[in-house]
């Protein structure tokens, strides 16, 4: 589609996709891995038996995005799983034309597109809702697979092999050299749909508990020693940050106590209700302070997928 105007978010995402599709096949196939779970409120993720008390560092808040927080944990030798505050109907939300949500940010900065986009709804694609027609240009080289969308009420998707593909420490977020891909840190992504309070008209705390349990269950059964959580649904979807922070705190100190030696809430807001809610419950910490807190904490001995 030569000569077609593309907005800055579209250009960034298109460049990311082209970079990913040019990778060696073996690496691409690893990035494409995805596994869905179909939990519901009537059949939720299994509740864990309360773990014995374990001496481990408490959860902290980092004033940064989810990808940046995951990379900070990777640099410290952990194997993190990152919660993606997902749109449960549209794969990636508006990743190919918008850039405002946490999920869209992960798509722009990482390889998550390869894992999730092949599993979009059967009727999702170019020209659907606000999607640009250009996204259809990649259908032949990245064929559709079993649809995982829309999600069940408490369902989720586990992507075990995700790499950051942009230099997040640079203001321009340039793509990293493709020849370095095998040395880039690997983290997992836990894609769970946040409640859309704006659409549904009400917030259900019991549903949040089950969605959060799904995410922590996926991280647990896949052997992760660290999780990157955050203000799950507290942006456009209007979930109350105080309640979200409380629910995660209850699960992490309850049935998931002793499960994750490193627990980080990535909240990139410079100020506001989200940073206040999470920073007051989980101490606001710098990356350097996190390294001190986690010094001597055992790391997972298993290798990344």
Protein backbone atom coordinates (compact mmCIF):
# COMPACT_ATOMS: atom_id res chain seq x y z
CA UNK A 1 0.00 0.00 0.00
CA UNK A 2 2.55 2.50 -1.19
CA UNK A 3 1.86 6.12 -0.41
CA UNK A 4 -0.70 5.33 2.29
CA UNK A 5 -0.56 7.74 5.22
CA UNK A 6 0.26 6.09 8.53
CA UNK A 7 -0.07 7.74 11.92
CA UNK A 8 2.95 7.61 14.27
CA UNK A 9 1.48 4.70 16.31
CA UNK A 10 0.78 2.79 13.09
CA UNK A 11 4.29 3.35 11.77
CA UNK A 12 5.86 2.24 15.06
CA UNK A 13 3.78 -0.94 15.14
CA UNK A 14 4.36 -1.72 11.48
CA UNK A 15 8.12 -1.35 11.95
CA UNK A 16 7.90 -3.68 14.97
CA UNK A 17 5.98 -6.32 13.01
CA UNK A 18 8.36 -6.20 10.04
CA UNK A 19 11.34 -6.53 12.42
CA UNK A 20 9.74 -9.57 14.06
CA UNK A 21 8.79 -11.30 10.82
CA UNK A 22 12.36 -10.99 9.52
CA UNK A 23 13.79 -12.96 12.45
CA UNK A 24 15.16 -16.49 12.01
CA UNK A 25 12.35 -19.04 11.89
CA UNK A 26 13.47 -20.88 15.04
CA UNK A 27 13.30 -17.70 17.12
CA UNK A 28 9.99 -16.65 15.59
CA UNK A 29 8.41 -20.00 16.40
CA UNK A 30 9.47 -19.68 20.03
CA UNK A 31 7.95 -16.20 20.17
CA UNK A 32 4.71 -17.53 18.66
CA UNK A 33 4.10 -19.94 21.54
CA UNK A 34 0.81 -19.39 23.38
CA UNK A 35 -1.45 -21.44 25.62
CA UNK A 36 -5.01 -20.51 26.57
CA UNK A 37 -6.99 -21.33 29.71
CA UNK A 38 -10.76 -21.03 29.78
CA UNK A 39 -11.66 -20.37 33.40
CA UNK A 40 -15.06 -18.95 34.33
CA UNK A 41 -16.64 -17.74 37.55
CA UNK A 42 -18.32 -21.12 37.96
CA UNK A 43 -15.10 -22.97 37.12
CA UNK A 44 -12.28 -20.58 38.11
CA UNK A 45 -8.56 -21.13 38.43
CA UNK A 46 -7.94 -23.51 41.34
CA UNK A 47 -7.51 -21.83 44.68
CA UNK A 48 -4.14 -22.61 46.19
CA UNK A 49 -3.84 -24.14 49.62
CA UNK A 50 -2.55 -21.44 51.96
CA UNK A 51 1.21 -21.66 51.86
CA UNK A 52 3.24 -21.78 55.07
CA UNK A 53 4.73 -18.49 56.19
CA UNK A 54 7.83 -17.67 54.20
CA UNK A 55 10.35 -14.94 54.80
CA UNK A 56 10.56 -13.06 51.54
CA UNK A 57 10.62 -9.43 50.43
CA UNK A 58 7.25 -7.75 50.11
CA UNK A 59 5.83 -6.37 46.90
CA UNK A 60 7.05 -2.97 45.73
CA UNK A 61 6.00 -0.33 43.21
CA UNK A 62 8.30 0.82 40.42
CA UNK A 63 7.43 4.08 38.67
CA UNK A 64 7.86 2.59 35.19
CA UNK A 65 6.01 0.59 32.56
CA UNK A 66 5.49 -3.15 32.60
CA UNK A 67 8.16 -3.97 30.00
CA UNK A 68 10.68 -1.75 31.78
CA UNK A 69 9.88 -3.46 35.11
CA UNK A 70 10.26 -6.90 33.53
CA UNK A 71 13.66 -5.97 32.13
CA UNK A 72 14.74 -4.65 35.53
CA UNK A 73 13.94 -8.07 37.04
CA UNK A 74 15.68 -9.87 34.17
CA UNK A 75 18.82 -7.84 34.85
CA UNK A 76 18.67 -9.08 38.45
CA UNK A 77 18.54 -12.70 37.30
CA UNK A 78 14.83 -13.39 37.71
CA UNK A 79 12.40 -15.02 35.29
CA UNK A 80 9.41 -12.67 35.41
CA UNK A 81 5.87 -13.09 34.16
CA UNK A 82 4.14 -9.83 33.20
CA UNK A 83 0.41 -9.24 33.54
CA UNK A 84 -1.05 -7.79 30.34
CA UNK A 85 -4.17 -5.72 31.15
CA UNK A 86 -5.89 -7.05 28.08
CA UNK A 87 -8.92 -6.36 25.97
CA UNK A 88 -10.76 -9.66 26.08
CA UNK A 89 -12.51 -9.30 22.72
CA UNK A 90 -10.13 -7.42 20.43
CA UNK A 91 -6.67 -8.98 20.35
CA UNK A 92 -4.22 -6.33 21.51
CA UNK A 93 -6.92 -3.69 21.83
CA UNK A 94 -6.05 -1.06 19.21
CA UNK A 95 -2.37 -1.99 19.07
CA UNK A 96 -1.99 -1.34 15.33
CA UNK A 97 -3.43 2.20 15.38
CA UNK A 98 -3.43 3.42 18.99
CA UNK A 99 -0.83 3.65 21.71
CA UNK A 100 -2.44 4.72 24.95
CA UNK A 101 -3.05 1.50 26.88
CA UNK A 102 -0.66 -0.72 28.80
CA UNK A 103 -1.42 -3.61 26.44
CA UNK A 104 -0.70 -1.49 23.36
CA UNK A 105 2.56 -0.38 24.96
CA UNK A 106 3.64 -4.01 25.43
CA UNK A 107 2.79 -4.76 21.78
CA UNK A 108 4.94 -1.85 20.57
CA UNK A 109 7.96 -2.72 22.73
CA UNK A 110 8.02 -6.52 22.60
CA UNK A 111 7.42 -9.63 20.51
CA UNK A 112 3.95 -10.25 22.01
CA UNK A 113 2.28 -9.63 18.63
CA UNK A 114 3.69 -12.93 17.32
CA UNK A 115 2.18 -14.87 20.22
CA UNK A 116 -1.31 -13.34 20.29
CA UNK A 117 -2.29 -11.98 16.87
CA UNK A 118 -2.58 -15.42 15.17
CA UNK A 119 -5.19 -16.32 17.84
CA UNK A 120 -7.50 -13.32 17.21
CA UNK A 121 -11.22 -13.79 16.66
CA UNK A 122 -12.23 -15.37 13.38
CA UNK A 123 -13.90 -12.10 12.35
CA UNK A 124 -11.04 -9.81 13.46
CA UNK A 125 -8.67 -8.31 10.95
CA UNK A 126 -8.11 -5.41 8.54
CA UNK A 127 -10.95 -2.89 8.45
CA UNK A 128 -12.69 -4.35 11.51
CA UNK A 129 -13.74 -1.59 13.89
CA UNK A 130 -10.87 0.93 13.70
CA UNK A 131 -8.20 -1.46 12.40
CA UNK A 132 -6.13 -0.26 9.48
CA UNK A 133 -6.20 -2.21 6.23
CA UNK A 134 -2.40 -2.54 6.29
CA UNK A 135 -2.52 -5.13 9.08
CA UNK A 136 -3.84 -7.65 6.53
CA UNK A 137 -0.58 -7.54 4.60
CA UNK A 138 0.98 -9.97 7.09
CA UNK A 139 -1.71 -12.67 6.97
CA UNK A 140 0.19 -14.96 4.59
CA UNK A 141 3.46 -14.93 6.53
CA UNK A 142 1.73 -15.20 9.92
CA UNK A 143 -1.29 -17.47 9.37
CA UNK A 144 -4.24 -17.70 11.71
CA UNK A 145 -4.29 -20.34 14.43
CA UNK A 146 -6.98 -21.49 16.86
CA UNK A 147 -8.93 -18.42 18.05
CA UNK A 148 -8.41 -17.60 21.74
CA UNK A 149 -10.64 -14.50 21.56
CA UNK A 150 -13.06 -13.54 23.01
CA UNK A 151 -11.85 -14.66 26.38
CA UNK A 152 -13.97 -16.52 28.86
CA UNK A 153 -14.87 -14.44 31.94
CA UNK A 154 -11.80 -15.52 33.90
CA UNK A 155 -9.71 -16.96 31.10
CA UNK A 156 -6.25 -16.01 29.98
CA UNK A 157 -3.34 -16.68 27.64
CA UNK A 158 0.19 -17.64 28.64
CA UNK A 159 2.98 -16.49 26.31
CA UNK A 160 6.21 -18.09 27.60
CA UNK A 161 8.82 -16.57 25.27
CA UNK A 162 8.57 -12.79 24.89
CA UNK A 163 11.50 -10.47 24.28
CA UNK A 164 11.70 -6.69 24.37
CA UNK A 165 12.54 -5.52 20.85
CA UNK A 166 13.03 -1.78 21.46
CA UNK A 167 15.62 0.07 23.49
CA UNK A 168 13.31 1.30 26.24
CA UNK A 169 16.05 3.38 27.84
CA UNK A 170 16.25 5.66 24.81
CA UNK A 171 13.66 8.43 24.35
CA UNK A 172 13.09 7.39 20.72
CA UNK A 173 12.62 3.69 21.66
CA UNK A 174 14.59 2.50 18.62
CA UNK A 175 14.36 -1.12 17.53
CA UNK A 176 17.28 -3.17 18.79
CA UNK A 177 19.71 -4.79 16.32
CA UNK A 178 18.06 -7.96 15.03
CA UNK A 179 21.36 -9.85 15.14
CA UNK A 180 21.32 -9.46 18.94
CA UNK A 181 17.91 -11.09 19.39
CA UNK A 182 19.24 -14.32 20.91
CA UNK A 183 20.91 -12.36 23.71
CA UNK A 184 17.86 -10.24 24.59
CA UNK A 185 16.13 -11.01 27.92
CA UNK A 186 13.15 -13.37 27.89
CA UNK A 187 10.04 -12.90 30.01
CA UNK A 188 6.54 -14.35 29.91
CA UNK A 189 3.27 -12.48 29.46
CA UNK A 190 0.01 -13.32 31.22
CA UNK A 191 -2.83 -11.97 29.09
CA UNK A 192 -5.97 -11.57 31.19
CA UNK A 193 -8.87 -9.29 30.28
CA UNK A 194 -9.54 -6.44 32.67
CA UNK A 195 -13.12 -5.62 33.60
CA UNK A 196 -14.54 -2.90 31.34
CA UNK A 197 -16.45 -0.90 33.94
CA UNK A 198 -17.26 1.85 31.43
CA UNK A 199 -19.05 -0.66 29.21
CA UNK A 200 -20.59 -2.88 31.89
CA UNK A 201 -21.71 -0.04 34.14
CA UNK A 202 -20.53 -1.68 37.37
CA UNK A 203 -17.42 -3.07 39.02
CA UNK A 204 -17.48 -6.58 40.52
CA UNK A 205 -14.80 -7.24 43.11
CA UNK A 206 -15.39 -10.99 43.12
CA UNK A 207 -14.74 -11.08 39.37
CA UNK A 208 -11.51 -9.14 39.86
CA UNK A 209 -10.39 -11.70 42.44
CA UNK A 210 -10.88 -14.54 39.97
CA UNK A 211 -9.14 -12.69 37.13
CA UNK A 212 -6.16 -11.88 39.37
CA UNK A 213 -6.09 -15.50 40.55
CA UNK A 214 -5.95 -16.64 36.91
CA UNK A 215 -2.87 -14.51 36.30
CA UNK A 216 -1.08 -15.66 39.44
CA UNK A 217 -2.06 -19.28 38.76
CA UNK A 218 -0.50 -19.11 35.27
CA UNK A 219 2.71 -17.66 36.68
CA UNK A 220 2.81 -20.30 39.41
CA UNK A 221 2.22 -23.42 37.33
CA UNK A 222 4.83 -22.25 34.83
CA UNK A 223 7.50 -21.87 37.49
CA UNK A 224 8.12 -18.12 37.50
CA UNK A 225 10.02 -16.61 40.42
CA UNK A 226 8.85 -13.04 39.76
CA UNK A 227 5.70 -11.25 38.66
CA UNK A 228 5.14 -7.80 37.22
CA UNK A 229 1.64 -6.64 38.08
CA UNK A 230 0.16 -3.15 38.09
CA UNK A 231 -2.92 -0.95 37.97
CA UNK A 232 -4.97 -3.69 36.30
CA UNK A 233 -7.85 -2.06 34.42
CA UNK A 234 -7.43 1.25 36.26
CA UNK A 235 -7.07 3.39 33.15
CA UNK A 236 -9.64 3.47 30.35
CA UNK A 237 -11.57 0.55 31.89
CA UNK A 238 -12.13 2.56 35.12
CA UNK A 239 -11.42 -0.12 37.75
CA UNK A 240 -10.91 1.42 41.23
CA UNK A 241 -7.15 1.41 41.99
CA UNK A 242 -7.54 1.11 45.76
CA UNK A 243 -9.62 -2.06 45.39
CA UNK A 244 -7.31 -3.54 42.75
CA UNK A 245 -4.28 -2.96 44.99
CA UNK A 246 -6.11 -4.52 47.96
CA UNK A 247 -7.15 -7.62 46.00
CA UNK A 248 -3.62 -8.30 44.76
CA UNK A 249 -2.23 -7.71 48.25
CA UNK A 250 -4.69 -10.22 49.72
CA UNK A 251 -3.79 -12.89 47.17
CA UNK A 252 -0.03 -12.34 47.41
CA UNK A 253 -0.07 -12.45 51.20
CA UNK A 254 -2.64 -15.25 51.29
CA UNK A 255 -2.76 -18.29 49.04
CA UNK A 256 0.23 -17.14 46.94
CA UNK A 257 2.46 -16.26 49.88
CA UNK A 258 5.94 -17.69 49.39
CA UNK A 259 5.33 -18.30 45.68
CA UNK A 260 7.14 -15.37 44.08
CA UNK A 261 10.36 -14.08 45.66
CA UNK A 262 10.07 -10.90 43.56
CA UNK A 263 6.77 -9.02 43.20
CA UNK A 264 6.70 -5.70 41.39
CA UNK A 265 3.87 -3.35 40.47
CA UNK A 266 4.84 -1.31 37.43
CA UNK A 267 2.94 2.00 37.52
CA UNK A 268 4.29 4.53 35.00
CA UNK A 269 2.10 7.47 36.10
CA UNK A 270 4.13 10.39 37.40
CA UNK A 271 1.32 11.22 39.82
CA UNK A 272 -2.36 10.51 40.35
CA UNK A 273 -4.70 7.98 41.87
CA UNK A 274 -2.98 4.89 40.48
CA UNK A 275 0.49 5.75 41.74
CA UNK A 276 -0.96 6.87 45.08
CA UNK A 277 -2.98 3.67 45.54
CA UNK A 278 -0.17 1.27 44.70
CA UNK A 279 2.70 3.32 46.10
CA UNK A 280 0.98 3.62 49.47
CA UNK A 281 0.36 -0.14 49.73
CA UNK A 282 3.52 -1.40 48.02
CA UNK A 283 6.45 0.95 48.77
CA UNK A 284 7.58 3.13 45.88
CA UNK A 285 11.08 1.89 45.04
CA UNK A 286 13.83 2.66 42.52
CA UNK A 287 15.55 0.01 40.43
CA UNK A 288 18.75 0.44 42.47
CA UNK A 289 16.82 0.00 45.72
CA UNK A 290 15.13 -3.09 44.28
CA UNK A 291 18.54 -4.66 43.64
CA UNK A 292 19.40 -4.19 47.32
CA UNK A 293 16.03 -5.55 48.49
CA UNK A 294 16.40 -8.68 46.36
CA UNK A 295 20.08 -9.30 47.08
CA UNK A 296 20.50 -12.89 48.23
CA UNK A 297 16.96 -13.90 47.24
CA UNK A 298 17.01 -17.30 45.46
CA UNK A 299 16.40 -17.21 41.73
CA UNK A 300 14.62 -19.84 39.67
CA UNK A 301 17.08 -22.47 38.46
CA UNK A 302 14.98 -23.31 35.39
CA UNK A 303 15.92 -21.79 32.04
CA UNK A 304 13.64 -19.64 29.92
CA UNK A 305 11.72 -21.42 27.17
